Amino acid sequence: SSSSSSSSSDCPMFVFDRSERLANSLGRMVGVVEQINKIPHDFQIMLMAGRRSTDLLHLLLQNLYFMKHVRNFIGTSSVLALALFKPLLEKLGYTQQQRQQLVKGLLGTHAHEMTSITQQLLVRYDEEAGRRCRMKVPVCITQLLAHLLFLVANGDQKSRTALSDTFTTPYFITLALITKLPVEFIEDMDSRWGVKMDQESRVFDIFR
Protein backbone atom coordinates (compact mmCIF):
# COMPACT_ATOMS: atom_id res chain seq x y z
CA SER A 1 0.00 0.00 0.00
CA SER A 2 2.89 2.33 0.80
CA SER A 3 4.39 1.79 -2.65
CA SER A 4 1.07 2.44 -4.35
CA SER A 5 0.52 5.66 -2.41
CA SER A 6 4.02 6.87 -3.11
CA SER A 7 3.70 6.07 -6.81
CA SER A 8 0.38 7.89 -7.02
CA SER A 9 1.86 10.93 -5.30
CA ASP A 10 4.65 10.98 -7.90
CA CYS A 11 2.15 11.41 -10.76
CA PRO A 12 2.24 14.98 -12.07
CA MET A 13 -0.98 16.99 -11.92
CA PHE A 14 -2.03 19.19 -14.81
CA VAL A 15 -4.52 22.00 -14.33
CA PHE A 16 -5.85 23.51 -17.54
CA ASP A 17 -7.28 27.01 -17.51
CA ARG A 18 -10.40 27.88 -19.47
CA SER A 19 -8.54 28.98 -22.62
CA GLU A 20 -6.60 25.72 -22.74
CA ARG A 21 -9.75 23.64 -22.24
CA LEU A 22 -11.53 25.56 -24.97
CA ALA A 23 -8.62 25.22 -27.37
CA ASN A 24 -8.33 21.49 -26.67
CA SER A 25 -12.03 20.81 -27.11
CA LEU A 26 -12.42 22.95 -30.22
CA GLY A 27 -9.27 21.49 -31.75
CA ARG A 28 -10.66 17.98 -31.37
CA MET A 29 -13.96 19.15 -32.85
CA VAL A 30 -12.23 20.57 -35.94
CA GLY A 31 -10.51 17.23 -36.45
CA VAL A 32 -13.84 15.38 -36.24
CA VAL A 33 -15.45 17.79 -38.73
CA GLU A 34 -12.59 17.28 -41.16
CA GLN A 35 -13.01 13.51 -40.91
CA ILE A 36 -16.75 13.78 -41.54
CA ASN A 37 -16.28 16.02 -44.56
CA LYS A 38 -13.71 13.65 -46.11
CA ILE A 39 -16.20 10.79 -46.16
CA PRO A 40 -18.17 10.56 -49.43
CA HIS A 41 -21.69 10.60 -48.01
CA ASP A 42 -25.10 12.13 -48.62
CA PHE A 43 -26.18 12.11 -44.97
CA GLN A 44 -27.79 15.15 -43.39
CA ILE A 45 -25.77 16.27 -40.37
CA MET A 46 -27.20 17.95 -37.29
CA LEU A 47 -25.52 18.99 -34.05
CA MET A 48 -27.02 17.53 -30.88
CA ALA A 49 -25.36 19.73 -28.29
CA GLY A 50 -26.07 21.97 -25.37
CA ARG A 51 -27.66 19.87 -22.63
CA ARG A 52 -24.33 18.86 -21.13
CA SER A 53 -22.11 21.68 -22.29
CA THR A 54 -19.95 23.01 -19.46
CA ASP A 55 -18.98 26.26 -21.16
CA LEU A 56 -21.30 28.71 -22.94
CA LEU A 57 -18.54 30.07 -25.17
CA HIS A 58 -17.67 26.54 -26.27
CA LEU A 59 -21.33 25.88 -27.07
CA LEU A 60 -21.58 28.99 -29.25
CA LEU A 61 -18.27 28.43 -31.05
CA GLN A 62 -19.11 24.76 -31.57
CA ASN A 63 -22.44 25.61 -33.17
CA LEU A 64 -20.98 28.40 -35.29
CA TYR A 65 -18.21 26.16 -36.60
CA PHE A 66 -20.65 23.40 -37.53
CA MET A 67 -22.91 25.91 -39.28
CA LYS A 68 -20.05 27.27 -41.36
CA HIS A 69 -18.00 24.17 -42.10
CA VAL A 70 -19.93 20.89 -41.87
CA ARG A 71 -21.07 19.54 -45.23
CA ASN A 72 -24.84 18.88 -45.43
CA PHE A 73 -25.48 20.63 -42.11
CA ILE A 74 -29.23 20.92 -41.45
CA GLY A 75 -29.51 22.35 -37.93
CA THR A 76 -28.82 22.26 -34.22
CA SER A 77 -30.70 21.08 -31.15
CA SER A 78 -29.47 23.97 -29.01
CA VAL A 79 -32.30 26.40 -28.32
CA LEU A 80 -29.95 28.53 -26.21
CA ALA A 81 -27.37 28.88 -28.99
CA LEU A 82 -29.96 30.04 -31.52
CA ALA A 83 -31.55 32.43 -29.03
CA LEU A 84 -28.16 34.07 -28.45
CA PHE A 85 -27.14 34.08 -32.11
CA LYS A 86 -30.25 35.93 -33.24
CA PRO A 87 -29.46 39.38 -31.70
CA LEU A 88 -25.75 38.99 -32.45
CA LEU A 89 -26.38 38.31 -36.13
CA GLU A 90 -28.91 41.15 -36.31
CA LYS A 91 -26.27 43.56 -34.99
CA LEU A 92 -23.90 42.32 -37.69
CA GLY A 93 -26.48 43.21 -40.32
CA TYR A 94 -27.69 39.71 -41.20
CA THR A 95 -31.15 39.65 -42.74
CA GLN A 96 -33.67 37.03 -41.65
CA GLN A 97 -32.97 35.05 -44.82
CA GLN A 98 -29.21 35.20 -44.25
CA ARG A 99 -29.65 34.05 -40.63
CA GLN A 100 -31.79 31.15 -41.82
CA GLN A 101 -29.17 30.14 -44.38
CA LEU A 102 -26.52 30.09 -41.64
CA VAL A 103 -28.30 28.38 -38.76
CA LYS A 104 -30.55 26.16 -40.95
CA GLY A 105 -33.07 24.89 -38.40
CA LEU A 106 -33.81 24.00 -34.81
CA LEU A 107 -34.01 20.24 -34.71
CA GLY A 108 -33.96 17.55 -32.12
CA THR A 109 -35.67 14.69 -30.40
CA HIS A 110 -38.22 16.81 -28.51
CA ALA A 111 -36.19 15.80 -25.47
CA HIS A 112 -38.04 15.67 -22.19
CA GLU A 113 -37.24 19.29 -21.35
CA MET A 114 -39.73 20.48 -23.98
CA THR A 115 -42.64 18.71 -22.35
CA SER A 116 -41.50 19.47 -18.82
CA ILE A 117 -41.11 23.20 -19.44
CA THR A 118 -44.44 23.44 -21.25
CA GLN A 119 -46.16 21.68 -18.38
CA GLN A 120 -44.63 24.04 -15.83
CA LEU A 121 -45.63 27.14 -17.78
CA LEU A 122 -49.13 25.98 -18.71
CA VAL A 123 -50.07 23.82 -15.74
CA ARG A 124 -53.49 25.49 -15.55
CA TYR A 125 -54.39 23.83 -18.86
CA ASP A 126 -53.83 20.42 -17.28
CA GLU A 127 -55.88 21.39 -14.25
CA GLU A 128 -58.73 22.64 -16.43
CA ALA A 129 -58.62 19.47 -18.56
CA GLY A 130 -58.94 17.39 -15.40
CA ARG A 131 -61.89 19.48 -14.23
CA ARG A 132 -63.68 19.13 -17.56
CA CYS A 133 -63.10 15.38 -17.48
CA ARG A 134 -64.66 15.37 -13.99
CA MET A 135 -61.48 14.01 -12.49
CA LYS A 136 -59.85 14.94 -9.20
CA VAL A 137 -56.39 15.08 -10.80
CA PRO A 138 -54.98 17.08 -13.75
CA VAL A 139 -54.93 15.59 -17.25
CA CYS A 140 -51.57 16.24 -18.93
CA ILE A 141 -52.70 17.74 -22.22
CA THR A 142 -49.64 20.01 -22.08
CA GLN A 143 -47.70 17.01 -23.34
CA LEU A 144 -49.70 17.20 -26.58
CA LEU A 145 -49.53 20.99 -26.64
CA ALA A 146 -45.74 20.94 -26.45
CA HIS A 147 -45.56 18.89 -29.65
CA LEU A 148 -48.06 21.14 -31.43
CA LEU A 149 -46.09 24.25 -30.43
CA PHE A 150 -42.93 22.62 -31.77
CA LEU A 151 -44.57 22.07 -35.16
CA VAL A 152 -45.90 25.63 -35.32
CA ALA A 153 -42.46 27.03 -34.48
CA ASN A 154 -40.47 24.86 -36.87
CA GLY A 155 -42.80 24.14 -39.75
CA ASP A 156 -44.16 20.92 -41.14
CA GLN A 157 -41.40 18.39 -40.50
CA LYS A 158 -40.83 15.67 -43.07
CA SER A 159 -41.19 13.17 -40.28
CA ARG A 160 -43.38 14.36 -37.42
CA THR A 161 -42.14 12.36 -34.47
CA ALA A 162 -43.71 12.31 -31.01
CA LEU A 163 -41.70 11.60 -27.88
CA SER A 164 -44.47 9.83 -26.05
CA ASP A 165 -42.77 8.31 -23.03
CA THR A 166 -42.53 11.33 -20.73
CA PHE A 167 -45.77 10.38 -18.96
CA THR A 168 -45.85 6.81 -20.35
CA THR A 169 -46.65 5.88 -23.93
CA PRO A 170 -50.19 4.52 -23.26
CA TYR A 171 -51.13 7.81 -21.55
CA PHE A 172 -49.87 9.90 -24.47
CA ILE A 173 -51.52 7.74 -27.13
CA THR A 174 -54.85 7.70 -25.28
CA LEU A 175 -54.91 11.50 -25.08
CA ALA A 176 -53.70 11.91 -28.66
CA LEU A 177 -56.45 9.63 -29.97
CA ILE A 178 -59.30 11.55 -28.30
CA THR A 179 -58.03 15.15 -28.52
CA LYS A 180 -59.00 17.19 -31.58
CA LEU A 181 -56.47 19.58 -33.10
CA PRO A 182 -57.07 23.12 -31.79
CA VAL A 183 -58.54 25.48 -34.38
CA GLU A 184 -55.76 27.98 -33.63
CA PHE A 185 -53.12 25.35 -34.41
CA ILE A 186 -54.75 24.50 -37.75
CA GLU A 187 -54.96 28.20 -38.66
CA ASP A 188 -51.34 28.87 -37.64
CA MET A 189 -50.00 25.93 -39.65
CA ASP A 190 -51.91 27.18 -42.69
CA SER A 191 -50.96 30.85 -42.39
CA ARG A 192 -47.32 30.34 -41.39
CA TRP A 193 -46.37 27.25 -43.36
CA GLY A 194 -49.13 26.68 -45.93
CA VAL A 195 -49.96 23.30 -44.39
CA LYS A 196 -53.61 22.25 -44.63
CA MET A 197 -55.04 20.05 -41.89
CA ASP A 198 -58.47 18.51 -41.44
CA GLN A 199 -60.42 20.24 -38.68
CA GLU A 200 -61.76 16.88 -37.53
CA SER A 201 -58.28 15.40 -37.09
CA ARG A 202 -57.05 14.18 -33.74
CA VAL A 203 -53.55 14.95 -32.49
CA PHE A 204 -52.62 11.32 -33.10
CA ASP A 205 -53.40 11.69 -36.83
CA ILE A 206 -50.63 14.23 -37.55
CA PHE A 207 -47.73 12.07 -36.37
CA ARG A 208 -46.09 9.46 -38.55
C-alpha atoms as a PDB file:
ATOM      1  CA  SER A   1       0.000   0.000   0.000  1.00  0.00           C
ATOM      2  CA  SER A   2       2.888   2.326   0.802  1.00  0.00           C
ATOM      3  CA  SER A   3       4.390   1.790  -2.647  1.00  0.00           C
ATOM      4  CA  SER A   4       1.074   2.445  -4.347  1.00  0.00           C
ATOM      5  CA  SER A   5       0.518   5.657  -2.407  1.00  0.00           C
ATOM      6  CA  SER A   6       4.020   6.868  -3.114  1.00  0.00           C
ATOM      7  CA  SER A   7       3.705   6.074  -6.813  1.00  0.00           C
ATOM      8  CA  SER A   8       0.382   7.892  -7.024  1.00  0.00           C
ATOM      9  CA  SER A   9       1.855  10.932  -5.305  1.00  0.00           C
ATOM     10  CA  ASP A  10       4.652  10.980  -7.899  1.00  0.00           C
ATOM     11  CA  CYS A  11       2.148  11.412 -10.756  1.00  0.00           C
ATOM     12  CA  PRO A  12       2.243  14.979 -12.066  1.00  0.00           C
ATOM     13  CA  MET A  13      -0.978  16.988 -11.919  1.00  0.00           C
ATOM     14  CA  PHE A  14      -2.026  19.190 -14.814  1.00  0.00           C
ATOM     15  CA  VAL A  15      -4.518  22.002 -14.332  1.00  0.00           C
ATOM     16  CA  PHE A  16      -5.852  23.514 -17.536  1.00  0.00           C
ATOM     17  CA  ASP A  17      -7.279  27.014 -17.507  1.00  0.00           C
ATOM     18  CA  ARG A  18     -10.399  27.884 -19.474  1.00  0.00           C
ATOM     19  CA  SER A  19      -8.538  28.981 -22.616  1.00  0.00           C
ATOM     20  CA  GLU A  20      -6.602  25.723 -22.738  1.00  0.00           C
ATOM     21  CA  ARG A  21      -9.750  23.643 -22.238  1.00  0.00           C
ATOM     22  CA  LEU A  22     -11.533  25.560 -24.971  1.00  0.00           C
ATOM     23  CA  ALA A  23      -8.624  25.220 -27.366  1.00  0.00           C
ATOM     24  CA  ASN A  24      -8.327  21.493 -26.672  1.00  0.00           C
ATOM     25  CA  SER A  25     -12.033  20.810 -27.110  1.00  0.00           C
ATOM     26  CA  LEU A  26     -12.417  22.951 -30.222  1.00  0.00           C
ATOM     27  CA  GLY A  27      -9.275  21.487 -31.746  1.00  0.00           C
ATOM     28  CA  ARG A  28     -10.656  17.982 -31.369  1.00  0.00           C
ATOM     29  CA  MET A  29     -13.963  19.152 -32.848  1.00  0.00           C
ATOM     30  CA  VAL A  30     -12.227  20.565 -35.935  1.00  0.00           C
ATOM     31  CA  GLY A  31     -10.515  17.229 -36.445  1.00  0.00           C
ATOM     32  CA  VAL A  32     -13.844  15.382 -36.235  1.00  0.00           C
ATOM     33  CA  VAL A  33     -15.449  17.789 -38.728  1.00  0.00           C
ATOM     34  CA  GLU A  34     -12.588  17.279 -41.165  1.00  0.00           C
ATOM     35  CA  GLN A  35     -13.008  13.507 -40.914  1.00  0.00           C
ATOM     36  CA  ILE A  36     -16.750  13.776 -41.544  1.00  0.00           C
ATOM     37  CA  ASN A  37     -16.277  16.021 -44.559  1.00  0.00           C
ATOM     38  CA  LYS A  38     -13.714  13.653 -46.110  1.00  0.00           C
ATOM     39  CA  ILE A  39     -16.200  10.789 -46.155  1.00  0.00           C
ATOM     40  CA  PRO A  40     -18.167  10.562 -49.426  1.00  0.00           C
ATOM     41  CA  HIS A  41     -21.687  10.601 -48.010  1.00  0.00           C
ATOM     42  CA  ASP A  42     -25.096  12.132 -48.617  1.00  0.00           C
ATOM     43  CA  PHE A  43     -26.183  12.114 -44.972  1.00  0.00           C
ATOM     44  CA  GLN A  44     -27.793  15.146 -43.394  1.00  0.00           C
ATOM     45  CA  ILE A  45     -25.772  16.268 -40.371  1.00  0.00           C
ATOM     46  CA  MET A  46     -27.198  17.949 -37.291  1.00  0.00           C
ATOM     47  CA  LEU A  47     -25.524  18.993 -34.048  1.00  0.00           C
ATOM     48  CA  MET A  48     -27.023  17.530 -30.882  1.00  0.00           C
ATOM     49  CA  ALA A  49     -25.360  19.732 -28.289  1.00  0.00           C
ATOM     50  CA  GLY A  50     -26.071  21.965 -25.367  1.00  0.00           C
ATOM     51  CA  ARG A  51     -27.655  19.871 -22.630  1.00  0.00           C
ATOM     52  CA  ARG A  52     -24.325  18.861 -21.127  1.00  0.00           C
ATOM     53  CA  SER A  53     -22.109  21.685 -22.292  1.00  0.00           C
ATOM     54  CA  THR A  54     -19.951  23.014 -19.459  1.00  0.00           C
ATOM     55  CA  ASP A  55     -18.983  26.263 -21.159  1.00  0.00           C
ATOM     56  CA  LEU A  56     -21.299  28.714 -22.943  1.00  0.00           C
ATOM     57  CA  LEU A  57     -18.537  30.068 -25.171  1.00  0.00           C
ATOM     58  CA  HIS A  58     -17.670  26.544 -26.273  1.00  0.00           C
ATOM     59  CA  LEU A  59     -21.331  25.877 -27.074  1.00  0.00           C
ATOM     60  CA  LEU A  60     -21.577  28.991 -29.248  1.00  0.00           C
ATOM     61  CA  LEU A  61     -18.272  28.429 -31.052  1.00  0.00           C
ATOM     62  CA  GLN A  62     -19.109  24.758 -31.574  1.00  0.00           C
ATOM     63  CA  ASN A  63     -22.445  25.612 -33.168  1.00  0.00           C
ATOM     64  CA  LEU A  64     -20.983  28.403 -35.292  1.00  0.00           C
ATOM     65  CA  TYR A  65     -18.210  26.157 -36.601  1.00  0.00           C
ATOM     66  CA  PHE A  66     -20.655  23.398 -37.526  1.00  0.00           C
ATOM     67  CA  MET A  67     -22.914  25.907 -39.284  1.00  0.00           C
ATOM     68  CA  LYS A  68     -20.053  27.267 -41.361  1.00  0.00           C
ATOM     69  CA  HIS A  69     -17.998  24.169 -42.099  1.00  0.00           C
ATOM     70  CA  VAL A  70     -19.933  20.888 -41.874  1.00  0.00           C
ATOM     71  CA  ARG A  71     -21.072  19.544 -45.228  1.00  0.00           C
ATOM     72  CA  ASN A  72     -24.839  18.884 -45.428  1.00  0.00           C
ATOM     73  CA  PHE A  73     -25.477  20.627 -42.114  1.00  0.00           C
ATOM     74  CA  ILE A  74     -29.232  20.920 -41.446  1.00  0.00           C
ATOM     75  CA  GLY A  75     -29.510  22.352 -37.933  1.00  0.00           C
ATOM     76  CA  THR A  76     -28.816  22.264 -34.216  1.00  0.00           C
ATOM     77  CA  SER A  77     -30.700  21.082 -31.151  1.00  0.00           C
ATOM     78  CA  SER A  78     -29.467  23.974 -29.013  1.00  0.00           C
ATOM     79  CA  VAL A  79     -32.301  26.403 -28.322  1.00  0.00           C
ATOM     80  CA  LEU A  80     -29.946  28.526 -26.215  1.00  0.00           C
ATOM     81  CA  ALA A  81     -27.366  28.881 -28.992  1.00  0.00           C
ATOM     82  CA  LEU A  82     -29.959  30.039 -31.519  1.00  0.00           C
ATOM     83  CA  ALA A  83     -31.547  32.428 -29.028  1.00  0.00           C
ATOM     84  CA  LEU A  84     -28.162  34.073 -28.446  1.00  0.00           C
ATOM     85  CA  PHE A  85     -27.138  34.076 -32.109  1.00  0.00           C
ATOM     86  CA  LYS A  86     -30.253  35.933 -33.244  1.00  0.00           C
ATOM     87  CA  PRO A  87     -29.465  39.376 -31.698  1.00  0.00           C
ATOM     88  CA  LEU A  88     -25.751  38.990 -32.452  1.00  0.00           C
ATOM     89  CA  LEU A  89     -26.384  38.310 -36.131  1.00  0.00           C
ATOM     90  CA  GLU A  90     -28.911  41.151 -36.312  1.00  0.00           C
ATOM     91  CA  LYS A  91     -26.273  43.559 -34.993  1.00  0.00           C
ATOM     92  CA  LEU A  92     -23.895  42.323 -37.693  1.00  0.00           C
ATOM     93  CA  GLY A  93     -26.485  43.209 -40.319  1.00  0.00           C
ATOM     94  CA  TYR A  94     -27.687  39.705 -41.203  1.00  0.00           C
ATOM     95  CA  THR A  95     -31.155  39.652 -42.741  1.00  0.00           C
ATOM     96  CA  GLN A  96     -33.669  37.032 -41.654  1.00  0.00           C
ATOM     97  CA  GLN A  97     -32.969  35.048 -44.823  1.00  0.00           C
ATOM     98  CA  GLN A  98     -29.207  35.203 -44.247  1.00  0.00           C
ATOM     99  CA  ARG A  99     -29.652  34.051 -40.633  1.00  0.00           C
ATOM    100  CA  GLN A 100     -31.789  31.151 -41.821  1.00  0.00           C
ATOM    101  CA  GLN A 101     -29.174  30.143 -44.382  1.00  0.00           C
ATOM    102  CA  LEU A 102     -26.524  30.086 -41.642  1.00  0.00           C
ATOM    103  CA  VAL A 103     -28.303  28.379 -38.757  1.00  0.00           C
ATOM    104  CA  LYS A 104     -30.549  26.164 -40.947  1.00  0.00           C
ATOM    105  CA  GLY A 105     -33.067  24.895 -38.395  1.00  0.00           C
ATOM    106  CA  LEU A 106     -33.815  24.003 -34.809  1.00  0.00           C
ATOM    107  CA  LEU A 107     -34.010  20.242 -34.714  1.00  0.00           C
ATOM    108  CA  GLY A 108     -33.965  17.547 -32.117  1.00  0.00           C
ATOM    109  CA  THR A 109     -35.674  14.686 -30.403  1.00  0.00           C
ATOM    110  CA  HIS A 110     -38.217  16.806 -28.506  1.00  0.00           C
ATOM    111  CA  ALA A 111     -36.187  15.802 -25.472  1.00  0.00           C
ATOM    112  CA  HIS A 112     -38.036  15.668 -22.191  1.00  0.00           C
ATOM    113  CA  GLU A 113     -37.237  19.293 -21.355  1.00  0.00           C
ATOM    114  CA  MET A 114     -39.726  20.484 -23.980  1.00  0.00           C
ATOM    115  CA  THR A 115     -42.644  18.714 -22.353  1.00  0.00           C
ATOM    116  CA  SER A 116     -41.495  19.467 -18.818  1.00  0.00           C
ATOM    117  CA  ILE A 117     -41.108  23.203 -19.438  1.00  0.00           C
ATOM    118  CA  THR A 118     -44.444  23.441 -21.249  1.00  0.00           C
ATOM    119  CA  GLN A 119     -46.164  21.682 -18.385  1.00  0.00           C
ATOM    120  CA  GLN A 120     -44.625  24.035 -15.829  1.00  0.00           C
ATOM    121  CA  LEU A 121     -45.627  27.143 -17.785  1.00  0.00           C
ATOM    122  CA  LEU A 122     -49.132  25.983 -18.711  1.00  0.00           C
ATOM    123  CA  VAL A 123     -50.070  23.823 -15.737  1.00  0.00           C
ATOM    124  CA  ARG A 124     -53.494  25.486 -15.545  1.00  0.00           C
ATOM    125  CA  TYR A 125     -54.388  23.835 -18.862  1.00  0.00           C
ATOM    126  CA  ASP A 126     -53.826  20.420 -17.285  1.00  0.00           C
ATOM    127  CA  GLU A 127     -55.881  21.391 -14.252  1.00  0.00           C
ATOM    128  CA  GLU A 128     -58.731  22.644 -16.428  1.00  0.00           C
ATOM    129  CA  ALA A 129     -58.617  19.470 -18.557  1.00  0.00           C
ATOM    130  CA  GLY A 130     -58.935  17.391 -15.399  1.00  0.00           C
ATOM    131  CA  ARG A 131     -61.886  19.476 -14.230  1.00  0.00           C
ATOM    132  CA  ARG A 132     -63.685  19.134 -17.561  1.00  0.00           C
ATOM    133  CA  CYS A 133     -63.100  15.385 -17.483  1.00  0.00           C
ATOM    134  CA  ARG A 134     -64.657  15.373 -13.995  1.00  0.00           C
ATOM    135  CA  MET A 135     -61.477  14.010 -12.493  1.00  0.00           C
ATOM    136  CA  LYS A 136     -59.851  14.941  -9.204  1.00  0.00           C
ATOM    137  CA  VAL A 137     -56.390  15.077 -10.804  1.00  0.00           C
ATOM    138  CA  PRO A 138     -54.979  17.077 -13.753  1.00  0.00           C
ATOM    139  CA  VAL A 139     -54.926  15.586 -17.255  1.00  0.00           C
ATOM    140  CA  CYS A 140     -51.572  16.240 -18.933  1.00  0.00           C
ATOM    141  CA  ILE A 141     -52.700  17.745 -22.224  1.00  0.00           C
ATOM    142  CA  THR A 142     -49.640  20.013 -22.081  1.00  0.00           C
ATOM    143  CA  GLN A 143     -47.698  17.014 -23.343  1.00  0.00           C
ATOM    144  CA  LEU A 144     -49.699  17.202 -26.575  1.00  0.00           C
ATOM    145  CA  LEU A 145     -49.534  20.993 -26.636  1.00  0.00           C
ATOM    146  CA  ALA A 146     -45.736  20.944 -26.448  1.00  0.00           C
ATOM    147  CA  HIS A 147     -45.559  18.888 -29.647  1.00  0.00           C
ATOM    148  CA  LEU A 148     -48.055  21.140 -31.433  1.00  0.00           C
ATOM    149  CA  LEU A 149     -46.092  24.251 -30.432  1.00  0.00           C
ATOM    150  CA  PHE A 150     -42.926  22.622 -31.771  1.00  0.00           C
ATOM    151  CA  LEU A 151     -44.572  22.069 -35.159  1.00  0.00           C
ATOM    152  CA  VAL A 152     -45.902  25.630 -35.322  1.00  0.00           C
ATOM    153  CA  ALA A 153     -42.461  27.031 -34.475  1.00  0.00           C
ATOM    154  CA  ASN A 154     -40.465  24.861 -36.866  1.00  0.00           C
ATOM    155  CA  GLY A 155     -42.803  24.145 -39.749  1.00  0.00           C
ATOM    156  CA  ASP A 156     -44.155  20.922 -41.145  1.00  0.00           C
ATOM    157  CA  GLN A 157     -41.400  18.391 -40.500  1.00  0.00           C
ATOM    158  CA  LYS A 158     -40.828  15.670 -43.070  1.00  0.00           C
ATOM    159  CA  SER A 159     -41.192  13.167 -40.278  1.00  0.00           C
ATOM    160  CA  ARG A 160     -43.377  14.365 -37.423  1.00  0.00           C
ATOM    161  CA  THR A 161     -42.140  12.363 -34.469  1.00  0.00           C
ATOM    162  CA  ALA A 162     -43.711  12.305 -31.011  1.00  0.00           C
ATOM    163  CA  LEU A 163     -41.695  11.600 -27.880  1.00  0.00           C
ATOM    164  CA  SER A 164     -44.468   9.826 -26.051  1.00  0.00           C
ATOM    165  CA  ASP A 165     -42.767   8.310 -23.034  1.00  0.00           C
ATOM    166  CA  THR A 166     -42.530  11.331 -20.730  1.00  0.00           C
ATOM    167  CA  PHE A 167     -45.765  10.383 -18.958  1.00  0.00           C
ATOM    168  CA  THR A 168     -45.846   6.812 -20.346  1.00  0.00           C
ATOM    169  CA  THR A 169     -46.653   5.879 -23.932  1.00  0.00           C
ATOM    170  CA  PRO A 170     -50.194   4.523 -23.258  1.00  0.00           C
ATOM    171  CA  TYR A 171     -51.135   7.805 -21.554  1.00  0.00           C
ATOM    172  CA  PHE A 172     -49.865   9.897 -24.467  1.00  0.00           C
ATOM    173  CA  ILE A 173     -51.525   7.739 -27.130  1.00  0.00           C
ATOM    174  CA  THR A 174     -54.854   7.704 -25.281  1.00  0.00           C
ATOM    175  CA  LEU A 175     -54.908  11.500 -25.076  1.00  0.00           C
ATOM    176  CA  ALA A 176     -53.702  11.908 -28.661  1.00  0.00           C
ATOM    177  CA  LEU A 177     -56.454   9.632 -29.970  1.00  0.00           C
ATOM    178  CA  ILE A 178     -59.303  11.552 -28.304  1.00  0.00           C
ATOM    179  CA  THR A 179     -58.028  15.154 -28.521  1.00  0.00           C
ATOM    180  CA  LYS A 180     -58.998  17.188 -31.584  1.00  0.00           C
ATOM    181  CA  LEU A 181     -56.474  19.581 -33.101  1.00  0.00           C
ATOM    182  CA  PRO A 182     -57.066  23.117 -31.791  1.00  0.00           C
ATOM    183  CA  VAL A 183     -58.543  25.476 -34.376  1.00  0.00           C
ATOM    184  CA  GLU A 184     -55.760  27.976 -33.633  1.00  0.00           C
ATOM    185  CA  PHE A 185     -53.124  25.346 -34.414  1.00  0.00           C
ATOM    186  CA  ILE A 186     -54.753  24.501 -37.752  1.00  0.00           C
ATOM    187  CA  GLU A 187     -54.958  28.195 -38.663  1.00  0.00           C
ATOM    188  CA  ASP A 188     -51.342  28.866 -37.642  1.00  0.00           C
ATOM    189  CA  MET A 189     -49.999  25.931 -39.650  1.00  0.00           C
ATOM    190  CA  ASP A 190     -51.912  27.179 -42.692  1.00  0.00           C
ATOM    191  CA  SER A 191     -50.960  30.854 -42.391  1.00  0.00           C
ATOM    192  CA  ARG A 192     -47.317  30.338 -41.388  1.00  0.00           C
ATOM    193  CA  TRP A 193     -46.368  27.253 -43.363  1.00  0.00           C
ATOM    194  CA  GLY A 194     -49.131  26.678 -45.929  1.00  0.00           C
ATOM    195  CA  VAL A 195     -49.963  23.300 -44.392  1.00  0.00           C
ATOM    196  CA  LYS A 196     -53.606  22.245 -44.635  1.00  0.00           C
ATOM    197  CA  MET A 197     -55.043  20.051 -41.892  1.00  0.00           C
ATOM    198  CA  ASP A 198     -58.474  18.514 -41.444  1.00  0.00           C
ATOM    199  CA  GLN A 199     -60.420  20.243 -38.681  1.00  0.00           C
ATOM    200  CA  GLU A 200     -61.760  16.880 -37.529  1.00  0.00           C
ATOM    201  CA  SER A 201     -58.279  15.396 -37.095  1.00  0.00           C
ATOM    202  CA  ARG A 202     -57.053  14.184 -33.742  1.00  0.00           C
ATOM    203  CA  VAL A 203     -53.555  14.948 -32.488  1.00  0.00           C
ATOM    204  CA  PHE A 204     -52.617  11.315 -33.101  1.00  0.00           C
ATOM    205  CA  ASP A 205     -53.396  11.690 -36.832  1.00  0.00           C
ATOM    206  CA  ILE A 206     -50.633  14.233 -37.552  1.00  0.00           C
ATOM    207  CA  PHE A 207     -47.730  12.075 -36.369  1.00  0.00           C
ATOM    208  CA  ARG A 208     -46.089   9.456 -38.552  1.00  0.00           C
END
